[in-house]
Amino acid sequence: MAERREPERLRPHLPEVRCPVRLLLGTAIHEGGVSAEEVAVLAAALPAFIVDSVAGAGHFIYEEQPAAVVAAVRRLRAS
């Protein structure tokens, strides 16, 4: 995961993450998305992991639908 972009691999460090993680994925077809395999790795390694879909958003969810990002953060804080 992220081995093309990061000088150090993230995967071995995932068990060190102690905070809840919510992954937002846009449903619009776009290049460079997160693969099902990567989601499975995260789900297996992170104790508090949730995947949310954002209908109609692509790769830049925070620009395309900022209200969806704010709503996801609020849900995470409430959980």
Protein backbone atom coordinates (compact mmCIF):
# COMPACT_ATOMS: atom_id res chain seq x y z
CA MET A 1 0.00 0.00 0.00
CA ALA A 2 1.30 3.41 -0.97
CA GLU A 3 4.69 1.90 -1.81
CA ARG A 4 4.92 4.08 -4.90
CA ARG A 5 4.40 7.31 -2.99
CA GLU A 6 5.91 6.74 0.43
CA PRO A 7 9.58 6.19 1.31
CA GLU A 8 8.51 3.89 4.16
CA ARG A 9 5.73 1.33 3.87
CA LEU A 10 2.59 2.05 5.84
CA ARG A 11 1.29 -1.50 6.18
CA PRO A 12 3.68 -2.67 8.95
CA HIS A 13 2.68 0.35 11.05
CA LEU A 14 -1.10 -0.04 10.79
CA PRO A 15 -1.42 -2.00 14.07
CA GLU A 16 0.08 1.02 15.84
CA VAL A 17 -2.92 3.18 14.92
CA ARG A 18 -5.15 3.45 17.99
CA CYS A 19 -7.71 6.05 16.87
CA PRO A 20 -10.86 5.29 14.85
CA VAL A 21 -10.40 5.50 11.09
CA ARG A 22 -13.17 6.33 8.62
CA LEU A 23 -12.33 5.95 4.93
CA LEU A 24 -14.45 7.99 2.53
CA LEU A 25 -14.69 6.59 -0.99
CA GLY A 26 -16.34 8.40 -3.86
CA THR A 27 -18.63 6.28 -6.03
CA ALA A 28 -17.86 8.13 -9.29
CA ILE A 29 -15.54 6.28 -11.64
CA HIS A 30 -12.04 7.73 -11.45
CA GLU A 31 -8.43 6.62 -11.82
CA GLY A 32 -6.24 5.86 -8.85
CA GLY A 33 -8.91 4.77 -6.44
CA VAL A 34 -8.44 2.58 -3.41
CA SER A 35 -8.59 -1.10 -4.35
CA ALA A 36 -10.72 -3.69 -2.58
CA GLU A 37 -7.48 -5.38 -1.50
CA GLU A 38 -6.25 -2.19 0.18
CA VAL A 39 -9.57 -1.77 1.99
CA ALA A 40 -9.32 -5.38 3.20
CA VAL A 41 -5.80 -4.76 4.55
CA LEU A 42 -7.01 -1.71 6.45
CA ALA A 43 -10.05 -3.53 7.81
CA ALA A 44 -7.90 -6.42 9.04
CA ALA A 45 -5.24 -4.23 10.66
CA LEU A 46 -7.24 -1.39 12.20
CA PRO A 47 -9.44 -2.16 15.20
CA ALA A 48 -11.90 0.70 14.57
CA PHE A 49 -12.27 1.00 10.79
CA ILE A 50 -15.33 2.12 8.83
CA VAL A 51 -15.79 2.67 5.11
CA ASP A 52 -18.28 5.30 3.92
CA SER A 53 -19.33 5.86 0.32
CA VAL A 54 -19.99 9.34 -1.02
CA ALA A 55 -22.37 9.14 -3.96
CA GLY A 56 -21.25 11.03 -7.02
CA ALA A 57 -17.86 12.06 -5.63
CA GLY A 58 -14.59 11.15 -7.26
CA HIS A 59 -11.06 11.23 -5.90
CA PHE A 60 -11.21 14.73 -4.37
CA ILE A 61 -14.20 14.28 -2.07
CA TYR A 62 -13.16 17.18 0.15
CA GLU A 63 -13.38 19.54 -2.84
CA GLU A 64 -16.35 17.98 -4.59
CA GLN A 65 -18.58 17.42 -1.55
CA PRO A 66 -17.14 19.12 1.53
CA ALA A 67 -20.43 18.73 3.44
CA ALA A 68 -20.08 14.93 3.15
CA VAL A 69 -16.61 15.14 4.72
CA VAL A 70 -17.88 17.31 7.59
CA ALA A 71 -20.79 14.90 8.16
CA ALA A 72 -18.39 11.92 8.25
CA VAL A 73 -16.19 13.65 10.83
CA ARG A 74 -19.24 14.39 12.96
CA ARG A 75 -20.33 10.74 12.77
CA LEU A 76 -16.85 9.63 13.76
CA ARG A 77 -16.77 11.99 16.73
CA ALA A 78 -20.21 10.79 17.85
CA SER A 79 -19.20 7.12 17.75
